[in-house]
């Protein structure tokens, strides 16, 4: 059995998710310092459903359109 690696992604700005046509959910947000994210197989996203105070979580494959890693270490002097 192949091992899988997941990490938790919680946005640093106000996390938001918005429902589309009832068939899909779109998460909008960003986060710095995604330790382990670039090598993970799955990502746990957290957000607040638009128009509510409801926090929602979902597990998604990391390697898909919309999930990007900037590899920017300049903000900590590296």
PDB file of N, CA and C in Angstrom:
ATOM      1  N   UNK A   1       0.836  -1.182   0.000  1.00  0.00           N
ATOM      2  CA  UNK A   1       0.000   0.000   0.000  1.00  0.00           C
ATOM      3  C   UNK A   1       0.881   1.245   0.000  1.00  0.00           C
ATOM      4  N   UNK A   2       0.590   2.169  -0.878  1.00  0.00           N
ATOM      5  CA  UNK A   2       1.356   3.413  -0.966  1.00  0.00           C
ATOM      6  C   UNK A   2       0.882   4.390   0.102  1.00  0.00           C
ATOM      7  N   UNK A   3       1.842   5.002   0.800  1.00  0.00           N
ATOM      8  CA  UNK A   3       1.495   5.983   1.824  1.00  0.00           C
ATOM      9  C   UNK A   3       1.028   7.275   1.174  1.00  0.00           C
ATOM     10  N   UNK A   4       0.078   7.942   1.821  1.00  0.00           N
ATOM     11  CA  UNK A   4      -0.424   9.238   1.364  1.00  0.00           C
ATOM     12  C   UNK A   4      -0.105  10.275   2.422  1.00  0.00           C
ATOM     13  N   UNK A   5       0.081  11.520   2.000  1.00  0.00           N
ATOM     14  CA  UNK A   5       0.411  12.611   2.907  1.00  0.00           C
ATOM     15  C   UNK A   5      -0.566  13.751   2.670  1.00  0.00           C
ATOM     16  N   UNK A   6      -1.163  14.257   3.738  1.00  0.00           N
ATOM     17  CA  UNK A   6      -2.097  15.381   3.625  1.00  0.00           C
ATOM     18  C   UNK A   6      -1.661  16.490   4.562  1.00  0.00           C
ATOM     19  N   UNK A   7      -2.101  17.716   4.274  1.00  0.00           N
ATOM     20  CA  UNK A   7      -1.829  18.812   5.185  1.00  0.00           C
ATOM     21  C   UNK A   7      -3.049  19.700   5.264  1.00  0.00           C
ATOM     22  N   UNK A   8      -3.131  20.480   6.348  1.00  0.00           N
ATOM     23  CA  UNK A   8      -4.265  21.365   6.594  1.00  0.00           C
ATOM     24  C   UNK A   8      -3.966  22.744   6.057  1.00  0.00           C
ATOM     25  N   UNK A   9      -4.866  23.288   5.273  1.00  0.00           N
ATOM     26  CA  UNK A   9      -4.729  24.623   4.682  1.00  0.00           C
ATOM     27  C   UNK A   9      -5.812  25.512   5.270  1.00  0.00           C
ATOM     28  N   UNK A  10      -5.430  26.471   6.111  1.00  0.00           N
ATOM     29  CA  UNK A  10      -6.367  27.462   6.636  1.00  0.00           C
ATOM     30  C   UNK A  10      -5.870  28.814   6.168  1.00  0.00           C
ATOM     31  N   UNK A  11      -6.699  29.559   5.464  1.00  0.00           N
ATOM     32  CA  UNK A  11      -6.256  30.830   4.903  1.00  0.00           C
ATOM     33  C   UNK A  11      -5.973  31.839   5.999  1.00  0.00           C
ATOM     34  N   UNK A  12      -5.039  32.760   5.726  1.00  0.00           N
ATOM     35  CA  UNK A  12      -4.670  33.772   6.713  1.00  0.00           C
ATOM     36  C   UNK A  12      -5.556  35.002   6.626  1.00  0.00           C
ATOM     37  N   UNK A  13      -6.103  35.276   5.445  1.00  0.00           N
ATOM     38  CA  UNK A  13      -7.091  36.339   5.369  1.00  0.00           C
ATOM     39  C   UNK A  13      -8.435  35.722   5.756  1.00  0.00           C
ATOM     40  N   UNK A  14      -9.511  36.463   5.668  1.00  0.00           N
ATOM     41  CA  UNK A  14     -10.806  35.889   6.022  1.00  0.00           C
ATOM     42  C   UNK A  14     -11.148  34.809   5.002  1.00  0.00           C
ATOM     43  N   UNK A  15     -11.156  33.528   5.411  1.00  0.00           N
ATOM     44  CA  UNK A  15     -11.427  32.464   4.455  1.00  0.00           C
ATOM     45  C   UNK A  15     -12.870  32.524   3.981  1.00  0.00           C
ATOM     46  N   UNK A  16     -13.089  32.270   2.708  1.00  0.00           N
ATOM     47  CA  UNK A  16     -14.438  32.295   2.170  1.00  0.00           C
ATOM     48  C   UNK A  16     -14.626  31.156   1.195  1.00  0.00           C
ATOM     49  N   UNK A  17     -15.795  30.611   1.208  1.00  0.00           N
ATOM     50  CA  UNK A  17     -16.201  29.651   0.196  1.00  0.00           C
ATOM     51  C   UNK A  17     -17.526  30.127  -0.349  1.00  0.00           C
ATOM     52  N   UNK A  18     -17.781  29.846  -1.583  1.00  0.00           N
ATOM     53  CA  UNK A  18     -19.079  30.249  -2.111  1.00  0.00           C
ATOM     54  C   UNK A  18     -19.664  29.093  -2.890  1.00  0.00           C
ATOM     55  N   UNK A  19     -20.957  28.894  -2.714  1.00  0.00           N
ATOM     56  CA  UNK A  19     -21.579  27.813  -3.458  1.00  0.00           C
ATOM     57  C   UNK A  19     -21.953  28.320  -4.835  1.00  0.00           C
ATOM     58  N   UNK A  20     -21.770  27.471  -5.817  1.00  0.00           N
ATOM     59  CA  UNK A  20     -22.103  27.836  -7.188  1.00  0.00           C
ATOM     60  C   UNK A  20     -23.544  27.459  -7.481  1.00  0.00           C
ATOM     61  N   UNK A  21     -23.714  26.457  -8.303  1.00  0.00           N
ATOM     62  CA  UNK A  21     -25.048  26.032  -8.705  1.00  0.00           C
ATOM     63  C   UNK A  21     -25.571  24.887  -7.850  1.00  0.00           C
ATOM     64  N   UNK A  22     -24.969  24.665  -6.692  1.00  0.00           N
ATOM     65  CA  UNK A  22     -25.367  23.550  -5.844  1.00  0.00           C
ATOM     66  C   UNK A  22     -24.612  22.275  -6.150  1.00  0.00           C
ATOM     67  N   UNK A  23     -23.850  22.270  -7.223  1.00  0.00           N
ATOM     68  CA  UNK A  23     -23.091  21.098  -7.629  1.00  0.00           C
ATOM     69  C   UNK A  23     -21.637  21.161  -7.180  1.00  0.00           C
ATOM     70  N   UNK A  24     -21.118  22.362  -6.971  1.00  0.00           N
ATOM     71  CA  UNK A  24     -19.710  22.493  -6.599  1.00  0.00           C
ATOM     72  C   UNK A  24     -19.530  23.630  -5.605  1.00  0.00           C
ATOM     73  N   UNK A  25     -18.381  23.631  -4.976  1.00  0.00           N
ATOM     74  CA  UNK A  25     -18.031  24.627  -3.972  1.00  0.00           C
ATOM     75  C   UNK A  25     -16.701  25.238  -4.375  1.00  0.00           C
ATOM     76  N   UNK A  26     -16.606  26.561  -4.349  1.00  0.00           N
ATOM     77  CA  UNK A  26     -15.380  27.258  -4.733  1.00  0.00           C
ATOM     78  C   UNK A  26     -14.798  27.919  -3.499  1.00  0.00           C
ATOM     79  N   UNK A  27     -13.531  27.626  -3.191  1.00  0.00           N
ATOM     80  CA  UNK A  27     -12.827  28.256  -2.081  1.00  0.00           C
ATOM     81  C   UNK A  27     -11.957  29.372  -2.629  1.00  0.00           C
ATOM     82  N   UNK A  28     -11.970  30.527  -1.968  1.00  0.00           N
ATOM     83  CA  UNK A  28     -11.120  31.655  -2.341  1.00  0.00           C
ATOM     84  C   UNK A  28     -10.301  32.061  -1.126  1.00  0.00           C
ATOM     85  N   UNK A  29      -9.009  32.205  -1.282  1.00  0.00           N
ATOM     86  CA  UNK A  29      -8.160  32.615  -0.177  1.00  0.00           C
ATOM     87  C   UNK A  29      -6.709  32.336  -0.498  1.00  0.00           C
ATOM     88  N   UNK A  30      -5.851  32.717   0.421  1.00  0.00           N
ATOM     89  CA  UNK A  30      -4.426  32.465   0.227  1.00  0.00           C
ATOM     90  C   UNK A  30      -3.775  32.237   1.577  1.00  0.00           C
ATOM     91  N   UNK A  31      -2.590  31.639   1.540  1.00  0.00           N
ATOM     92  CA  UNK A  31      -1.854  31.352   2.763  1.00  0.00           C
ATOM     93  C   UNK A  31      -0.372  31.303   2.436  1.00  0.00           C
ATOM     94  N   UNK A  32       0.442  31.871   3.332  1.00  0.00           N
ATOM     95  CA  UNK A  32       1.892  31.751   3.236  1.00  0.00           C
ATOM     96  C   UNK A  32       2.335  30.617   4.147  1.00  0.00           C
ATOM     97  N   UNK A  33       3.523  30.117   3.927  1.00  0.00           N
ATOM     98  CA  UNK A  33       4.120  29.067   4.762  1.00  0.00           C
ATOM     99  C   UNK A  33       3.256  27.811   4.793  1.00  0.00           C
ATOM    100  N   UNK A  34       3.071  27.203   3.654  1.00  0.00           N
ATOM    101  CA  UNK A  34       2.315  25.957   3.535  1.00  0.00           C
ATOM    102  C   UNK A  34       3.251  24.773   3.744  1.00  0.00           C
ATOM    103  N   UNK A  35       3.727  24.605   4.963  1.00  0.00           N
ATOM    104  CA  UNK A  35       4.697  23.559   5.271  1.00  0.00           C
ATOM    105  C   UNK A  35       4.155  22.191   4.873  1.00  0.00           C
ATOM    106  N   UNK A  36       4.867  21.511   4.018  1.00  0.00           N
ATOM    107  CA  UNK A  36       4.479  20.178   3.572  1.00  0.00           C
ATOM    108  C   UNK A  36       3.469  20.164   2.448  1.00  0.00           C
ATOM    109  N   UNK A  37       2.890  21.301   2.131  1.00  0.00           N
ATOM    110  CA  UNK A  37       1.841  21.339   1.120  1.00  0.00           C
ATOM    111  C   UNK A  37       2.288  20.917  -0.255  1.00  0.00           C
ATOM    112  N   UNK A  38       3.463  21.365  -0.656  1.00  0.00           N
ATOM    113  CA  UNK A  38       3.932  21.095  -2.016  1.00  0.00           C
ATOM    114  C   UNK A  38       4.189  19.605  -2.255  1.00  0.00           C
ATOM    115  N   UNK A  39       4.424  18.827  -1.215  1.00  0.00           N
ATOM    116  CA  UNK A  39       4.667  17.392  -1.376  1.00  0.00           C
ATOM    117  C   UNK A  39       3.468  16.549  -0.955  1.00  0.00           C
ATOM    118  N   UNK A  40       2.369  17.202  -0.591  1.00  0.00           N
ATOM    119  CA  UNK A  40       1.203  16.459  -0.112  1.00  0.00           C
ATOM    120  C   UNK A  40       0.376  15.901  -1.267  1.00  0.00           C
ATOM    121  N   UNK A  41      -0.357  14.843  -0.974  1.00  0.00           N
ATOM    122  CA  UNK A  41      -1.286  14.248  -1.937  1.00  0.00           C
ATOM    123  C   UNK A  41      -2.678  14.864  -1.810  1.00  0.00           C
ATOM    124  N   UNK A  42      -3.030  15.264  -0.591  1.00  0.00           N
ATOM    125  CA  UNK A  42      -4.353  15.831  -0.326  1.00  0.00           C
ATOM    126  C   UNK A  42      -4.216  17.063   0.555  1.00  0.00           C
ATOM    127  N   UNK A  43      -5.192  17.944   0.445  1.00  0.00           N
ATOM    128  CA  UNK A  43      -5.215  19.187   1.201  1.00  0.00           C
ATOM    129  C   UNK A  43      -6.568  19.315   1.881  1.00  0.00           C
ATOM    130  N   UNK A  44      -6.572  19.704   3.147  1.00  0.00           N
ATOM    131  CA  UNK A  44      -7.816  19.957   3.864  1.00  0.00           C
ATOM    132  C   UNK A  44      -8.048  21.460   3.846  1.00  0.00           C
ATOM    133  N   UNK A  45      -9.107  21.890   3.174  1.00  0.00           N
ATOM    134  CA  UNK A  45      -9.432  23.308   3.075  1.00  0.00           C
ATOM    135  C   UNK A  45     -10.512  23.666   4.086  1.00  0.00           C
ATOM    136  N   UNK A  46     -10.420  24.886   4.628  1.00  0.00           N
ATOM    137  CA  UNK A  46     -11.423  25.399   5.567  1.00  0.00           C
ATOM    138  C   UNK A  46     -11.863  26.756   5.077  1.00  0.00           C
ATOM    139  N   UNK A  47     -13.139  27.051   5.198  1.00  0.00           N
ATOM    140  CA  UNK A  47     -13.651  28.351   4.784  1.00  0.00           C
ATOM    141  C   UNK A  47     -14.985  28.646   5.438  1.00  0.00           C
ATOM    142  N   UNK A  48     -15.485  29.859   5.197  1.00  0.00           N
ATOM    143  CA  UNK A  48     -16.793  30.275   5.697  1.00  0.00           C
ATOM    144  C   UNK A  48     -17.714  30.403   4.491  1.00  0.00           C
ATOM    145  N   UNK A  49     -18.834  29.721   4.524  1.00  0.00           N
ATOM    146  CA  UNK A  49     -19.782  29.756   3.420  1.00  0.00           C
ATOM    147  C   UNK A  49     -20.360  31.153   3.291  1.00  0.00           C
ATOM    148  N   UNK A  50     -20.275  31.738   2.098  1.00  0.00           N
ATOM    149  CA  UNK A  50     -20.760  33.103   1.862  1.00  0.00           C
ATOM    150  C   UNK A  50     -22.191  33.280   2.357  1.00  0.00           C
ATOM    151  N   UNK A  51     -22.415  34.397   3.022  1.00  0.00           N
ATOM    152  CA  UNK A  51     -23.745  34.727   3.508  1.00  0.00           C
ATOM    153  C   UNK A  51     -24.133  34.030   4.790  1.00  0.00           C
ATOM    154  N   UNK A  52     -23.195  33.267   5.373  1.00  0.00           N
ATOM    155  CA  UNK A  52     -23.474  32.551   6.626  1.00  0.00           C
ATOM    156  C   UNK A  52     -22.284  32.711   7.559  1.00  0.00           C
ATOM    157  N   UNK A  53     -22.390  32.125   8.726  1.00  0.00           N
ATOM    158  CA  UNK A  53     -21.263  32.029   9.658  1.00  0.00           C
ATOM    159  C   UNK A  53     -20.766  30.582   9.710  1.00  0.00           C
ATOM    160  N   UNK A  54     -21.245  29.747   8.800  1.00  0.00           N
ATOM    161  CA  UNK A  54     -20.931  28.323   8.798  1.00  0.00           C
ATOM    162  C   UNK A  54     -19.522  28.063   8.277  1.00  0.00           C
ATOM    163  N   UNK A  55     -18.711  27.390   9.090  1.00  0.00           N
ATOM    164  CA  UNK A  55     -17.381  26.956   8.662  1.00  0.00           C
ATOM    165  C   UNK A  55     -17.535  25.620   7.955  1.00  0.00           C
ATOM    166  N   UNK A  56     -16.866  25.494   6.830  1.00  0.00           N
ATOM    167  CA  UNK A  56     -16.926  24.260   6.067  1.00  0.00           C
ATOM    168  C   UNK A  56     -15.509  23.743   5.830  1.00  0.00           C
ATOM    169  N   UNK A  57     -15.375  22.436   5.774  1.00  0.00           N
ATOM    170  CA  UNK A  57     -14.101  21.772   5.536  1.00  0.00           C
ATOM    171  C   UNK A  57     -14.290  20.785   4.389  1.00  0.00           C
ATOM    172  N   UNK A  58     -13.248  20.592   3.616  1.00  0.00           N
ATOM    173  CA  UNK A  58     -13.277  19.570   2.575  1.00  0.00           C
ATOM    174  C   UNK A  58     -11.860  19.051   2.340  1.00  0.00           C
ATOM    175  N   UNK A  59     -11.761  17.835   1.893  1.00  0.00           N
ATOM    176  CA  UNK A  59     -10.475  17.233   1.535  1.00  0.00           C
ATOM    177  C   UNK A  59     -10.430  17.145   0.016  1.00  0.00           C
ATOM    178  N   UNK A  60      -9.375  17.704  -0.572  1.00  0.00           N
ATOM    179  CA  UNK A  60      -9.245  17.716  -2.034  1.00  0.00           C
ATOM    180  C   UNK A  60      -7.844  17.261  -2.435  1.00  0.00           C
ATOM    181  N   UNK A  61      -7.684  16.738  -3.647  1.00  0.00           N
ATOM    182  CA  UNK A  61      -6.342  16.435  -4.143  1.00  0.00           C
ATOM    183  C   UNK A  61      -5.536  17.731  -4.274  1.00  0.00           C
ATOM    184  N   UNK A  62      -4.283  17.712  -3.858  1.00  0.00           N
ATOM    185  CA  UNK A  62      -3.442  18.908  -3.912  1.00  0.00           C
ATOM    186  C   UNK A  62      -3.092  19.295  -5.344  1.00  0.00           C
ATOM    187  N   UNK A  63      -2.848  18.325  -6.183  1.00  0.00           N
ATOM    188  CA  UNK A  63      -2.421  18.606  -7.561  1.00  0.00           C
ATOM    189  C   UNK A  63      -3.642  18.754  -8.461  1.00  0.00           C
ATOM    190  N   UNK A  64      -4.149  19.998  -8.531  1.00  0.00           N
ATOM    191  CA  UNK A  64      -5.284  20.315  -9.386  1.00  0.00           C
ATOM    192  C   UNK A  64      -5.276  21.811  -9.672  1.00  0.00           C
ATOM    193  N   UNK A  65      -5.970  22.247 -10.716  1.00  0.00           N
ATOM    194  CA  UNK A  65      -6.023  23.679 -11.016  1.00  0.00           C
ATOM    195  C   UNK A  65      -6.577  24.463  -9.828  1.00  0.00           C
ATOM    196  N   UNK A  66      -6.012  25.622  -9.582  1.00  0.00           N
ATOM    197  CA  UNK A  66      -6.495  26.479  -8.502  1.00  0.00           C
ATOM    198  C   UNK A  66      -5.682  26.381  -7.227  1.00  0.00           C
ATOM    199  N   UNK A  67      -4.972  25.289  -7.025  1.00  0.00           N
ATOM    200  CA  UNK A  67      -4.099  25.167  -5.857  1.00  0.00           C
ATOM    201  C   UNK A  67      -2.672  25.379  -6.350  1.00  0.00           C
ATOM    202  N   UNK A  68      -2.058  26.449  -5.870  1.00  0.00           N
ATOM    203  CA  UNK A  68      -0.719  26.818  -6.327  1.00  0.00           C
ATOM    204  C   UNK A  68       0.170  27.106  -5.131  1.00  0.00           C
ATOM    205  N   UNK A  69       1.445  26.799  -5.263  1.00  0.00           N
ATOM    206  CA  UNK A  69       2.438  27.079  -4.239  1.00  0.00           C
ATOM    207  C   UNK A  69       3.457  28.045  -4.822  1.00  0.00           C
ATOM    208  N   UNK A  70       3.682  29.172  -4.136  1.00  0.00           N
ATOM    209  CA  UNK A  70       4.546  30.219  -4.656  1.00  0.00           C
ATOM    210  C   UNK A  70       6.024  29.998  -4.440  1.00  0.00           C
ATOM    211  N   UNK A  71       6.411  29.153  -3.515  1.00  0.00           N
ATOM    212  CA  UNK A  71       7.825  28.909  -3.215  1.00  0.00           C
ATOM    213  C   UNK A  71       8.581  30.213  -2.955  1.00  0.00           C
ATOM    214  N   UNK A  72       7.969  31.129  -2.229  1.00  0.00           N
ATOM    215  CA  UNK A  72       8.570  32.437  -1.964  1.00  0.00           C
ATOM    216  C   UNK A  72       9.113  32.487  -0.542  1.00  0.00           C
ATOM    217  N   UNK A  73      10.424  32.338  -0.421  1.00  0.00           N
ATOM    218  CA  UNK A  73      11.057  32.403   0.896  1.00  0.00           C
ATOM    219  C   UNK A  73      11.615  33.793   1.175  1.00  0.00           C
ATOM    220  N   UNK A  74      11.499  34.728   0.237  1.00  0.00           N
ATOM    221  CA  UNK A  74      12.052  36.067   0.426  1.00  0.00           C
ATOM    222  C   UNK A  74      11.430  36.806   1.603  1.00  0.00           C
ATOM    223  N   UNK A  75      10.172  36.514   1.909  1.00  0.00           N
ATOM    224  CA  UNK A  75       9.510  37.253   2.986  1.00  0.00           C
ATOM    225  C   UNK A  75      10.057  36.908   4.371  1.00  0.00           C
ATOM    226  N   UNK A  76      10.902  35.882   4.492  1.00  0.00           N
ATOM    227  CA  UNK A  76      11.556  35.605   5.776  1.00  0.00           C
ATOM    228  C   UNK A  76      13.074  35.710   5.651  1.00  0.00           C
ATOM    229  N   UNK A  77      13.527  36.365   4.583  1.00  0.00           N
ATOM    230  CA  UNK A  77      14.950  36.617   4.418  1.00  0.00           C
ATOM    231  C   UNK A  77      15.760  35.440   3.935  1.00  0.00           C
ATOM    232  N   UNK A  78      15.138  34.461   3.301  1.00  0.00           N
ATOM    233  CA  UNK A  78      15.878  33.301   2.806  1.00  0.00           C
ATOM    234  C   UNK A  78      15.992  33.345   1.301  1.00  0.00           C
TER     235      UNK A  78
END
